[in-house]
Amino acid sequence: MSKPIDVCLVDDQTLVRHGIRSLLELSDAIRVVAEAADGSEAVEVIPRVKPDVVLLDMRMPGMSGLDVLNALGQRGELPPTIILTTFDDDQLVLAGLRAGARGYLLKDVSLDQLVDAVKTVAEGGSLVSPVVTQRLLAGLGRMHNEFTSLDRPDPLTERETEILRLMAGGYSNKEIAGSLGVAEGTVKNHVSNILSKLGVRDRTRAVLKAFELGVV
């Protein structure tokens, strides 16, 4: 049996934290290794525990989830992170994605959705597309110049566009390789080319750029 995915939960609401923990503990594939009740605790616990995935609330008193993303990102200690949010947090979600989060989930998520999301992010995928709302897409226009990318990226090949669409669906390199019948290394090369052509530094920003350009 493969090693469980180690998860750290960060939320100032004890009930929410316990509820999500209870859900995750129903899955043999996931192990909750740490919890943090605020941002300050999170920036201490996460580098020490080194979880595979962080589930992070954005709205916390004192040090917010966004502060946590920025602090850990600047130190190079940010694990793959999923933002936990509610329907009215579009701008915070965008800010979180810009700060390095791999995607977001609504707090009333089901067990299957939660486990799938953790697995996807742990395997290198992103969660931008499956739960993108119209308001979030509208917000992309407002954030156009707020994260580093090329205004006029080099055109993508047909295969690169196909892979970018799969990336937007949250698929990992391994899953994309299986879907296209090619080697995982080939997909990694294509992803590197996509990032280079779009002028972005990670796959989440590539997906955001793709939405902005209307590619997906």
C-alpha atoms as a PDB file:
ATOM      1  CA  MET A   1       0.000   0.000   0.000  1.00  0.00           C
ATOM      2  CA  SER A   2       1.346   3.432  -0.889  1.00  0.00           C
ATOM      3  CA  LYS A   3       2.222   5.957   1.789  1.00  0.00           C
ATOM      4  CA  PRO A   4      -0.708   8.152   2.944  1.00  0.00           C
ATOM      5  CA  ILE A   5      -0.733  11.807   1.901  1.00  0.00           C
ATOM      6  CA  ASP A   6       0.216  13.955   4.905  1.00  0.00           C
ATOM      7  CA  VAL A   7      -2.108  16.947   5.345  1.00  0.00           C
ATOM      8  CA  CYS A   8      -1.981  20.033   7.567  1.00  0.00           C
ATOM      9  CA  LEU A   9      -5.265  21.836   8.338  1.00  0.00           C
ATOM     10  CA  VAL A  10      -5.218  25.585   8.983  1.00  0.00           C
ATOM     11  CA  ASP A  11      -8.480  27.201  10.136  1.00  0.00           C
ATOM     12  CA  ASP A  12      -9.326  29.392  13.109  1.00  0.00           C
ATOM     13  CA  GLN A  13     -12.768  27.775  13.493  1.00  0.00           C
ATOM     14  CA  THR A  14     -12.408  24.652  15.607  1.00  0.00           C
ATOM     15  CA  LEU A  15     -15.648  23.119  14.347  1.00  0.00           C
ATOM     16  CA  VAL A  16     -14.629  23.537  10.707  1.00  0.00           C
ATOM     17  CA  ARG A  17     -11.201  22.057  11.412  1.00  0.00           C
ATOM     18  CA  HIS A  18     -12.636  19.081  13.264  1.00  0.00           C
ATOM     19  CA  GLY A  19     -15.274  18.552  10.578  1.00  0.00           C
ATOM     20  CA  ILE A  20     -12.720  18.438   7.773  1.00  0.00           C
ATOM     21  CA  ARG A  21     -10.409  16.252   9.845  1.00  0.00           C
ATOM     22  CA  SER A  22     -13.252  13.806  10.469  1.00  0.00           C
ATOM     23  CA  LEU A  23     -13.938  13.650   6.732  1.00  0.00           C
ATOM     24  CA  LEU A  24     -10.287  13.095   5.845  1.00  0.00           C
ATOM     25  CA  GLU A  25      -9.905  10.357   8.445  1.00  0.00           C
ATOM     26  CA  LEU A  26     -12.511   8.335   6.558  1.00  0.00           C
ATOM     27  CA  SER A  27      -9.961   7.929   3.756  1.00  0.00           C
ATOM     28  CA  ASP A  28      -7.051   5.482   4.092  1.00  0.00           C
ATOM     29  CA  ALA A  29      -5.143   7.524   1.503  1.00  0.00           C
ATOM     30  CA  ILE A  30      -4.833  10.622   3.715  1.00  0.00           C
ATOM     31  CA  ARG A  31      -3.327  11.279   7.146  1.00  0.00           C
ATOM     32  CA  VAL A  32      -3.804  14.535   9.062  1.00  0.00           C
ATOM     33  CA  VAL A  33      -0.392  15.204  10.613  1.00  0.00           C
ATOM     34  CA  ALA A  34      -0.914  18.725  11.973  1.00  0.00           C
ATOM     35  CA  GLU A  35      -3.446  21.464  12.628  1.00  0.00           C
ATOM     36  CA  ALA A  36      -3.042  25.205  13.126  1.00  0.00           C
ATOM     37  CA  ALA A  37      -5.646  27.539  14.599  1.00  0.00           C
ATOM     38  CA  ASP A  38      -4.181  30.739  13.132  1.00  0.00           C
ATOM     39  CA  GLY A  39      -1.660  32.046  10.616  1.00  0.00           C
ATOM     40  CA  SER A  40       1.169  32.526  13.101  1.00  0.00           C
ATOM     41  CA  GLU A  41       0.896  28.923  14.226  1.00  0.00           C
ATOM     42  CA  ALA A  42       0.731  27.794  10.588  1.00  0.00           C
ATOM     43  CA  VAL A  43       4.036  29.412   9.580  1.00  0.00           C
ATOM     44  CA  GLU A  44       5.718  27.642  12.501  1.00  0.00           C
ATOM     45  CA  VAL A  45       4.069  24.231  12.116  1.00  0.00           C
ATOM     46  CA  ILE A  46       4.163  23.781   8.314  1.00  0.00           C
ATOM     47  CA  PRO A  47       7.969  24.044   7.814  1.00  0.00           C
ATOM     48  CA  ARG A  48       8.522  21.765  10.807  1.00  0.00           C
ATOM     49  CA  VAL A  49       6.026  19.039   9.812  1.00  0.00           C
ATOM     50  CA  LYS A  50       6.561  19.364   6.023  1.00  0.00           C
ATOM     51  CA  PRO A  51       3.103  18.097   4.989  1.00  0.00           C
ATOM     52  CA  ASP A  52       2.427  16.959   1.408  1.00  0.00           C
ATOM     53  CA  VAL A  53      -0.632  19.229   1.204  1.00  0.00           C
ATOM     54  CA  VAL A  54      -1.964  22.179   3.218  1.00  0.00           C
ATOM     55  CA  LEU A  55      -5.677  23.029   3.506  1.00  0.00           C
ATOM     56  CA  LEU A  56      -5.709  26.737   4.308  1.00  0.00           C
ATOM     57  CA  ASP A  57      -8.492  29.059   5.433  1.00  0.00           C
ATOM     58  CA  MET A  58      -8.022  32.568   4.026  1.00  0.00           C
ATOM     59  CA  ARG A  59     -10.005  34.590   6.566  1.00  0.00           C
ATOM     60  CA  MET A  60      -8.317  34.390   9.961  1.00  0.00           C
ATOM     61  CA  PRO A  61      -7.771  37.085  12.601  1.00  0.00           C
ATOM     62  CA  GLY A  62      -4.232  38.436  12.849  1.00  0.00           C
ATOM     63  CA  MET A  63      -2.166  36.659  10.219  1.00  0.00           C
ATOM     64  CA  SER A  64      -4.474  35.742   7.325  1.00  0.00           C
ATOM     65  CA  GLY A  65      -4.203  32.808   4.951  1.00  0.00           C
ATOM     66  CA  LEU A  66      -2.815  35.173   2.333  1.00  0.00           C
ATOM     67  CA  ASP A  67      -0.119  36.274   4.800  1.00  0.00           C
ATOM     68  CA  VAL A  68       0.746  32.603   5.363  1.00  0.00           C
ATOM     69  CA  LEU A  69       1.071  31.972   1.612  1.00  0.00           C
ATOM     70  CA  ASN A  70       3.280  35.025   1.161  1.00  0.00           C
ATOM     71  CA  ALA A  71       5.462  34.278   4.199  1.00  0.00           C
ATOM     72  CA  LEU A  72       6.083  30.619   3.326  1.00  0.00           C
ATOM     73  CA  GLY A  73       6.404  31.382  -0.387  1.00  0.00           C
ATOM     74  CA  GLN A  74       9.124  33.962   0.236  1.00  0.00           C
ATOM     75  CA  ARG A  75      11.048  31.429   2.313  1.00  0.00           C
ATOM     76  CA  GLY A  76      10.624  28.662  -0.259  1.00  0.00           C
ATOM     77  CA  GLU A  77       8.734  26.570   2.318  1.00  0.00           C
ATOM     78  CA  LEU A  78       5.232  26.535   0.801  1.00  0.00           C
ATOM     79  CA  PRO A  79       3.913  22.997   0.225  1.00  0.00           C
ATOM     80  CA  PRO A  80       1.136  22.402  -2.335  1.00  0.00           C
ATOM     81  CA  THR A  81      -1.756  24.368  -0.819  1.00  0.00           C
ATOM     82  CA  ILE A  82      -5.529  24.341  -1.308  1.00  0.00           C
ATOM     83  CA  ILE A  83      -7.486  27.408  -0.213  1.00  0.00           C
ATOM     84  CA  LEU A  84     -10.638  26.740   1.807  1.00  0.00           C
ATOM     85  CA  THR A  85     -13.197  29.385   0.985  1.00  0.00           C
ATOM     86  CA  THR A  86     -16.839  30.446   0.803  1.00  0.00           C
ATOM     87  CA  PHE A  87     -18.813  31.826  -2.138  1.00  0.00           C
ATOM     88  CA  ASP A  88     -18.081  35.490  -1.432  1.00  0.00           C
ATOM     89  CA  ASP A  89     -14.284  35.303  -1.380  1.00  0.00           C
ATOM     90  CA  ASP A  90     -13.452  35.729  -5.077  1.00  0.00           C
ATOM     91  CA  GLN A  91     -10.828  38.438  -4.656  1.00  0.00           C
ATOM     92  CA  LEU A  92      -9.150  36.574  -1.810  1.00  0.00           C
ATOM     93  CA  VAL A  93      -9.063  33.417  -3.936  1.00  0.00           C
ATOM     94  CA  LEU A  94      -7.393  35.325  -6.774  1.00  0.00           C
ATOM     95  CA  ALA A  95      -4.886  36.838  -4.356  1.00  0.00           C
ATOM     96  CA  GLY A  96      -4.202  33.374  -2.928  1.00  0.00           C
ATOM     97  CA  LEU A  97      -3.633  31.860  -6.377  1.00  0.00           C
ATOM     98  CA  ARG A  98      -1.248  34.676  -7.211  1.00  0.00           C
ATOM     99  CA  ALA A  99       0.600  33.964  -3.953  1.00  0.00           C
ATOM    100  CA  GLY A 100       1.171  30.347  -4.922  1.00  0.00           C
ATOM    101  CA  ALA A 101      -1.896  28.301  -3.893  1.00  0.00           C
ATOM    102  CA  ARG A 102      -2.707  25.416  -6.238  1.00  0.00           C
ATOM    103  CA  GLY A 103      -6.469  25.948  -6.211  1.00  0.00           C
ATOM    104  CA  TYR A 104      -9.458  26.254  -3.954  1.00  0.00           C
ATOM    105  CA  LEU A 105     -12.381  24.328  -2.485  1.00  0.00           C
ATOM    106  CA  LEU A 106     -15.622  25.462  -0.906  1.00  0.00           C
ATOM    107  CA  LYS A 107     -15.883  24.614   2.787  1.00  0.00           C
ATOM    108  CA  ASP A 108     -19.050  22.552   2.284  1.00  0.00           C
ATOM    109  CA  VAL A 109     -17.114  20.118   0.073  1.00  0.00           C
ATOM    110  CA  SER A 110     -18.037  16.412   0.046  1.00  0.00           C
ATOM    111  CA  LEU A 111     -15.659  13.657   1.162  1.00  0.00           C
ATOM    112  CA  ASP A 112     -15.051  12.458  -2.401  1.00  0.00           C
ATOM    113  CA  GLN A 113     -14.341  15.976  -3.656  1.00  0.00           C
ATOM    114  CA  LEU A 114     -12.007  16.669  -0.732  1.00  0.00           C
ATOM    115  CA  VAL A 115     -10.030  13.431  -1.131  1.00  0.00           C
ATOM    116  CA  ASP A 116      -9.797  13.844  -4.918  1.00  0.00           C
ATOM    117  CA  ALA A 117      -8.593  17.430  -4.473  1.00  0.00           C
ATOM    118  CA  VAL A 118      -5.885  16.459  -1.981  1.00  0.00           C
ATOM    119  CA  LYS A 119      -4.702  13.622  -4.248  1.00  0.00           C
ATOM    120  CA  THR A 120      -4.688  15.872  -7.330  1.00  0.00           C
ATOM    121  CA  VAL A 121      -2.616  18.579  -5.670  1.00  0.00           C
ATOM    122  CA  ALA A 122      -0.266  16.070  -4.027  1.00  0.00           C
ATOM    123  CA  GLU A 123       0.444  14.634  -7.494  1.00  0.00           C
ATOM    124  CA  GLY A 124       1.289  18.057  -8.908  1.00  0.00           C
ATOM    125  CA  GLY A 125      -2.086  19.013 -10.382  1.00  0.00           C
ATOM    126  CA  SER A 126      -4.116  22.174  -9.802  1.00  0.00           C
ATOM    127  CA  LEU A 127      -7.730  22.879  -8.857  1.00  0.00           C
ATOM    128  CA  VAL A 128      -8.445  26.039 -10.767  1.00  0.00           C
ATOM    129  CA  SER A 129     -10.917  24.888 -13.383  1.00  0.00           C
ATOM    130  CA  PRO A 130     -13.383  22.429 -11.807  1.00  0.00           C
ATOM    131  CA  VAL A 131     -14.780  24.969  -9.370  1.00  0.00           C
ATOM    132  CA  VAL A 132     -14.162  28.281 -11.134  1.00  0.00           C
ATOM    133  CA  THR A 133     -17.161  30.592 -10.809  1.00  0.00           C
ATOM    134  CA  GLN A 134     -18.225  33.219 -13.325  1.00  0.00           C
ATOM    135  CA  ARG A 135     -17.302  35.936 -10.842  1.00  0.00           C
ATOM    136  CA  LEU A 136     -13.829  34.474 -10.495  1.00  0.00           C
ATOM    137  CA  LEU A 137     -13.398  34.502 -14.266  1.00  0.00           C
ATOM    138  CA  ALA A 138     -14.629  38.092 -14.335  1.00  0.00           C
ATOM    139  CA  GLY A 139     -12.015  38.890 -11.705  1.00  0.00           C
ATOM    140  CA  LEU A 140      -9.253  37.672 -13.989  1.00  0.00           C
ATOM    141  CA  GLY A 141      -9.684  40.824 -16.033  1.00  0.00           C
ATOM    142  CA  ARG A 142      -9.068  42.948 -12.961  1.00  0.00           C
ATOM    143  CA  MET A 143      -5.964  40.991 -11.993  1.00  0.00           C
ATOM    144  CA  HIS A 144      -4.422  41.121 -15.484  1.00  0.00           C
ATOM    145  CA  ASN A 145      -1.268  42.967 -14.498  1.00  0.00           C
ATOM    146  CA  GLU A 146      -1.113  41.773 -10.915  1.00  0.00           C
ATOM    147  CA  PHE A 147       0.958  38.660 -11.511  1.00  0.00           C
ATOM    148  CA  THR A 148       4.005  38.313 -13.688  1.00  0.00           C
ATOM    149  CA  SER A 149       3.324  37.003 -17.200  1.00  0.00           C
ATOM    150  CA  LEU A 150       3.888  38.007 -20.786  1.00  0.00           C
ATOM    151  CA  ASP A 151       1.341  40.378 -22.333  1.00  0.00           C
ATOM    152  CA  ARG A 152       1.750  38.696 -25.714  1.00  0.00           C
ATOM    153  CA  PRO A 153       2.857  35.127 -25.068  1.00  0.00           C
ATOM    154  CA  ASP A 154       4.326  32.999 -27.836  1.00  0.00           C
ATOM    155  CA  PRO A 155       1.640  30.930 -29.598  1.00  0.00           C
ATOM    156  CA  LEU A 156       1.149  27.418 -28.260  1.00  0.00           C
ATOM    157  CA  THR A 157       1.226  24.385 -30.508  1.00  0.00           C
ATOM    158  CA  GLU A 158      -1.902  22.253 -30.854  1.00  0.00           C
ATOM    159  CA  ARG A 159      -0.464  19.643 -28.462  1.00  0.00           C
ATOM    160  CA  GLU A 160       0.567  22.310 -25.928  1.00  0.00           C
ATOM    161  CA  THR A 161      -2.953  23.767 -26.016  1.00  0.00           C
ATOM    162  CA  GLU A 162      -4.380  20.281 -25.476  1.00  0.00           C
ATOM    163  CA  ILE A 163      -2.100  19.735 -22.475  1.00  0.00           C
ATOM    164  CA  LEU A 164      -2.924  23.174 -21.065  1.00  0.00           C
ATOM    165  CA  ARG A 165      -6.641  22.315 -21.207  1.00  0.00           C
ATOM    166  CA  LEU A 166      -5.938  19.109 -19.282  1.00  0.00           C
ATOM    167  CA  MET A 167      -3.852  21.086 -16.767  1.00  0.00           C
ATOM    168  CA  ALA A 168      -6.853  23.394 -16.356  1.00  0.00           C
ATOM    169  CA  GLY A 169      -8.934  20.332 -15.558  1.00  0.00           C
ATOM    170  CA  GLY A 170      -6.649  19.642 -12.618  1.00  0.00           C
ATOM    171  CA  TYR A 171      -4.904  16.629 -14.143  1.00  0.00           C
ATOM    172  CA  SER A 172      -1.369  15.703 -13.065  1.00  0.00           C
ATOM    173  CA  ASN A 173       1.451  15.069 -15.545  1.00  0.00           C
ATOM    174  CA  LYS A 174       1.033  11.328 -15.018  1.00  0.00           C
ATOM    175  CA  GLU A 175      -2.700  11.463 -15.758  1.00  0.00           C
ATOM    176  CA  ILE A 176      -2.140  13.661 -18.827  1.00  0.00           C
ATOM    177  CA  ALA A 177       0.481  11.209 -20.093  1.00  0.00           C
ATOM    178  CA  GLY A 178      -1.955   8.319 -19.647  1.00  0.00           C
ATOM    179  CA  SER A 179      -4.734  10.225 -21.398  1.00  0.00           C
ATOM    180  CA  LEU A 180      -2.563  11.128 -24.397  1.00  0.00           C
ATOM    181  CA  GLY A 181      -0.646   7.851 -24.565  1.00  0.00           C
ATOM    182  CA  VAL A 182       2.775   9.484 -24.197  1.00  0.00           C
ATOM    183  CA  ALA A 183       5.592   9.286 -21.653  1.00  0.00           C
ATOM    184  CA  GLU A 184       5.344  11.385 -18.481  1.00  0.00           C
ATOM    185  CA  GLY A 185       8.692  12.957 -19.349  1.00  0.00           C
ATOM    186  CA  THR A 186       7.233  14.155 -22.653  1.00  0.00           C
ATOM    187  CA  VAL A 187       4.393  15.856 -20.791  1.00  0.00           C
ATOM    188  CA  LYS A 188       6.881  17.499 -18.391  1.00  0.00           C
ATOM    189  CA  ASN A 189       8.763  18.914 -21.385  1.00  0.00           C
ATOM    190  CA  HIS A 190       5.536  20.265 -22.874  1.00  0.00           C
ATOM    191  CA  VAL A 191       4.569  21.823 -19.517  1.00  0.00           C
ATOM    192  CA  SER A 192       7.981  23.524 -19.299  1.00  0.00           C
ATOM    193  CA  ASN A 193       7.490  24.908 -22.815  1.00  0.00           C
ATOM    194  CA  ILE A 194       3.988  26.127 -21.913  1.00  0.00           C
ATOM    195  CA  LEU A 195       5.264  27.954 -18.807  1.00  0.00           C
ATOM    196  CA  SER A 196       8.074  29.497 -20.829  1.00  0.00           C
ATOM    197  CA  LYS A 197       5.808  30.624 -23.662  1.00  0.00           C
ATOM    198  CA  LEU A 198       3.222  32.121 -21.303  1.00  0.00           C
ATOM    199  CA  GLY A 199       5.915  33.763 -19.201  1.00  0.00           C
ATOM    200  CA  VAL A 200       4.653  32.282 -15.919  1.00  0.00           C
ATOM    201  CA  ARG A 201       6.484  30.378 -13.206  1.00  0.00           C
ATOM    202  CA  ASP A 202       4.053  27.588 -12.298  1.00  0.00           C
ATOM    203  CA  ARG A 203       1.150  25.588 -13.696  1.00  0.00           C
ATOM    204  CA  THR A 204      -1.543  27.356 -11.648  1.00  0.00           C
ATOM    205  CA  ARG A 205      -0.551  30.702 -13.155  1.00  0.00           C
ATOM    206  CA  ALA A 206      -0.445  29.019 -16.567  1.00  0.00           C
ATOM    207  CA  VAL A 207      -4.064  27.944 -16.118  1.00  0.00           C
ATOM    208  CA  LEU A 208      -5.082  31.447 -14.999  1.00  0.00           C
ATOM    209  CA  LYS A 209      -3.330  32.890 -18.038  1.00  0.00           C
ATOM    210  CA  ALA A 210      -5.122  30.374 -20.247  1.00  0.00           C
ATOM    211  CA  PHE A 211      -8.499  31.528 -18.909  1.00  0.00           C
ATOM    212  CA  GLU A 212      -7.490  35.124 -19.437  1.00  0.00           C
ATOM    213  CA  LEU A 213      -6.528  34.408 -23.058  1.00  0.00           C
ATOM    214  CA  GLY A 214      -9.647  32.325 -23.685  1.00  0.00           C
ATOM    215  CA  VAL A 215      -7.624  29.212 -24.477  1.00  0.00           C
ATOM    216  CA  VAL A 216      -9.757  27.030 -22.164  1.00  0.00           C
END
